[in-house]
C-alpha atoms as a PDB file:
ATOM      1  CA  MET A   1     -19.926  -3.788  -8.064  1.00  0.00           C
ATOM      2  CA  ASP A   2     -16.962  -1.423  -7.705  1.00  0.00           C
ATOM      3  CA  THR A   3     -16.832   1.083  -4.863  1.00  0.00           C
ATOM      4  CA  LYS A   4     -14.612   4.152  -4.886  1.00  0.00           C
ATOM      5  CA  ILE A   5     -12.302   5.012  -1.987  1.00  0.00           C
ATOM      6  CA  THR A   6      -9.680   7.675  -1.428  1.00  0.00           C
ATOM      7  CA  LEU A   7      -6.184   6.665  -0.354  1.00  0.00           C
ATOM      8  CA  SER A   8      -3.038   8.711   0.252  1.00  0.00           C
ATOM      9  CA  PHE A   9       0.397   7.406  -0.747  1.00  0.00           C
ATOM     10  CA  ASN A  10       3.866   8.808  -1.155  1.00  0.00           C
ATOM     11  CA  GLU A  11       4.077  10.372  -4.631  1.00  0.00           C
ATOM     12  CA  ALA A  12       7.234   8.431  -5.551  1.00  0.00           C
ATOM     13  CA  ILE A  13       5.524   5.141  -4.692  1.00  0.00           C
ATOM     14  CA  ILE A  14       2.540   6.012  -6.861  1.00  0.00           C
ATOM     15  CA  LYS A  15       4.780   6.822  -9.833  1.00  0.00           C
ATOM     16  CA  LYS A  16       6.622   3.498  -9.486  1.00  0.00           C
ATOM     17  CA  ALA A  17       3.372   1.578  -8.976  1.00  0.00           C
ATOM     18  CA  LYS A  18       1.814   3.189 -12.057  1.00  0.00           C
ATOM     19  CA  LYS A  19       4.861   2.226 -14.137  1.00  0.00           C
ATOM     20  CA  TYR A  20       4.647  -1.326 -12.832  1.00  0.00           C
ATOM     21  CA  ALA A  21       0.915  -1.564 -13.495  1.00  0.00           C
ATOM     22  CA  ASP A  22       1.330  -0.112 -16.996  1.00  0.00           C
ATOM     23  CA  ALA A  23       4.147  -2.534 -17.810  1.00  0.00           C
ATOM     24  CA  ASN A  24       1.880  -5.400 -16.738  1.00  0.00           C
ATOM     25  CA  ASN A  25      -1.159  -4.088 -18.605  1.00  0.00           C
ATOM     26  CA  ILE A  26      -3.266  -3.608 -15.478  1.00  0.00           C
ATOM     27  CA  SER A  27      -4.755  -0.513 -13.888  1.00  0.00           C
ATOM     28  CA  LEU A  28      -3.408   0.735 -10.589  1.00  0.00           C
ATOM     29  CA  SER A  29      -6.859   0.180  -9.077  1.00  0.00           C
ATOM     30  CA  ARG A  30      -6.880  -3.487 -10.136  1.00  0.00           C
ATOM     31  CA  LEU A  31      -3.310  -3.935  -8.880  1.00  0.00           C
ATOM     32  CA  ILE A  32      -4.272  -2.636  -5.435  1.00  0.00           C
ATOM     33  CA  GLU A  33      -7.462  -4.702  -5.505  1.00  0.00           C
ATOM     34  CA  PHE A  34      -5.365  -7.793  -6.294  1.00  0.00           C
ATOM     35  CA  LEU A  35      -3.037  -7.095  -3.356  1.00  0.00           C
ATOM     36  CA  LEU A  36      -5.914  -6.491  -0.959  1.00  0.00           C
ATOM     37  CA  THR A  37      -7.593  -9.696  -2.137  1.00  0.00           C
ATOM     38  CA  LYS A  38      -4.384 -11.639  -1.446  1.00  0.00           C
ATOM     39  CA  ILE A  39      -4.085 -10.172   2.038  1.00  0.00           C
ATOM     40  CA  THR A  40      -7.717 -10.607   3.044  1.00  0.00           C
ATOM     41  CA  THR A  41      -8.216 -14.151   1.718  1.00  0.00           C
ATOM     42  CA  ALA A  42      -5.230 -15.628   3.572  1.00  0.00           C
ATOM     43  CA  GLN A  43      -4.832 -16.314   7.258  1.00  0.00           C
ATOM     44  CA  TYR A  44      -2.455 -13.482   8.108  1.00  0.00           C
ATOM     45  CA  HIS A  45      -2.726 -12.301  11.699  1.00  0.00           C
ATOM     46  CA  SER A  46      -0.544  -9.239  11.178  1.00  0.00           C
ATOM     47  CA  LEU A  47       1.422  -7.449   8.461  1.00  0.00           C
ATOM     48  CA  GLU A  48       4.579  -9.148   9.727  1.00  0.00           C
ATOM     49  CA  ASP A  49       3.066 -12.501   8.662  1.00  0.00           C
ATOM     50  CA  PHE A  50       2.466 -11.323   5.093  1.00  0.00           C
ATOM     51  CA  PRO A  51       5.224 -12.441   2.700  1.00  0.00           C
ATOM     52  CA  ILE A  52       6.576  -9.537   0.681  1.00  0.00           C
ATOM     53  CA  ALA A  53       7.131 -10.637  -2.906  1.00  0.00           C
ATOM     54  CA  ASP A  54      10.115  -9.509  -4.966  1.00  0.00           C
ATOM     55  CA  TRP A  55       7.988  -7.265  -7.175  1.00  0.00           C
ATOM     56  CA  VAL A  56       6.937  -5.204  -4.147  1.00  0.00           C
ATOM     57  CA  SER A  57      10.579  -4.249  -3.707  1.00  0.00           C
ATOM     58  CA  GLU A  58      10.523  -2.923  -7.263  1.00  0.00           C
ATOM     59  CA  VAL A  59       7.755  -0.433  -6.498  1.00  0.00           C
ATOM     60  CA  ALA A  60       8.836   0.387  -2.940  1.00  0.00           C
ATOM     61  CA  GLU A  61      11.425   2.924  -1.942  1.00  0.00           C
ATOM     62  CA  GLY A  62      13.568   0.965   0.466  1.00  0.00           C
ATOM     63  CA  LYS A  63      12.816  -1.695   3.040  1.00  0.00           C
ATOM     64  CA  ALA A  64       9.191  -1.957   4.166  1.00  0.00           C
ATOM     65  CA  VAL A  65       8.583  -0.688   7.682  1.00  0.00           C
ATOM     66  CA  TYR A  66       5.342  -1.700   9.341  1.00  0.00           C
ATOM     67  CA  GLN A  67       3.885   0.492  12.038  1.00  0.00           C
ATOM     68  CA  THR A  68       1.391  -1.658  13.838  1.00  0.00           C
ATOM     69  CA  LYS A  69       1.059   0.310  17.064  1.00  0.00           C
ATOM     70  CA  LYS A  70      -2.454   1.465  17.867  1.00  0.00           C
ATOM     71  CA  ARG A  71      -3.041   5.129  17.063  1.00  0.00           C
ATOM     72  CA  THR A  72      -6.124   7.226  16.991  1.00  0.00           C
ATOM     73  CA  ARG A  73      -7.354   8.498  13.663  1.00  0.00           C
ATOM     74  CA  LYS A  74      -6.604  12.049  14.782  1.00  0.00           C
ATOM     75  CA  ALA A  75      -3.008  11.140  15.719  1.00  0.00           C
ATOM     76  CA  SER A  76      -2.494   9.343  12.384  1.00  0.00           C
ATOM     77  CA  ARG A  77      -3.857  12.307  10.451  1.00  0.00           C
ATOM     78  CA  SER A  78      -1.674  14.731  12.402  1.00  0.00           C
ATOM     79  CA  GLU A  79       1.411  12.560  11.824  1.00  0.00           C
ATOM     80  CA  TYR A  80       0.687  12.371   8.091  1.00  0.00           C
ATOM     81  CA  PHE A  81       0.238  16.125   7.630  1.00  0.00           C
ATOM     82  CA  ASN A  82       3.274  16.930   9.800  1.00  0.00           C
ATOM     83  CA  SER A  83       5.410  14.664   7.608  1.00  0.00           C
ATOM     84  CA  LYS A  84       4.418  16.714   4.540  1.00  0.00           C
ATOM     85  CA  LYS A  85       5.715  20.013   5.978  1.00  0.00           C
END
């Protein structure tokens, strides 16, 4: 059974991801589901352990930067909205 969630991404990333998904005849939802399945079924202890495939570079805007420091939800929300100003 599918469950809906709401996610926020950089608009440029979404545009590139949609183009990629369309070119590969898959929905953006299924593409994200595929990636999450890959991450959660392997034995990765952190994002740094996860191998970034070449195609991720095609839909990303620059080198991936992982922020793994612990933040509160309120701090994360504040950081996100401040970055949009």
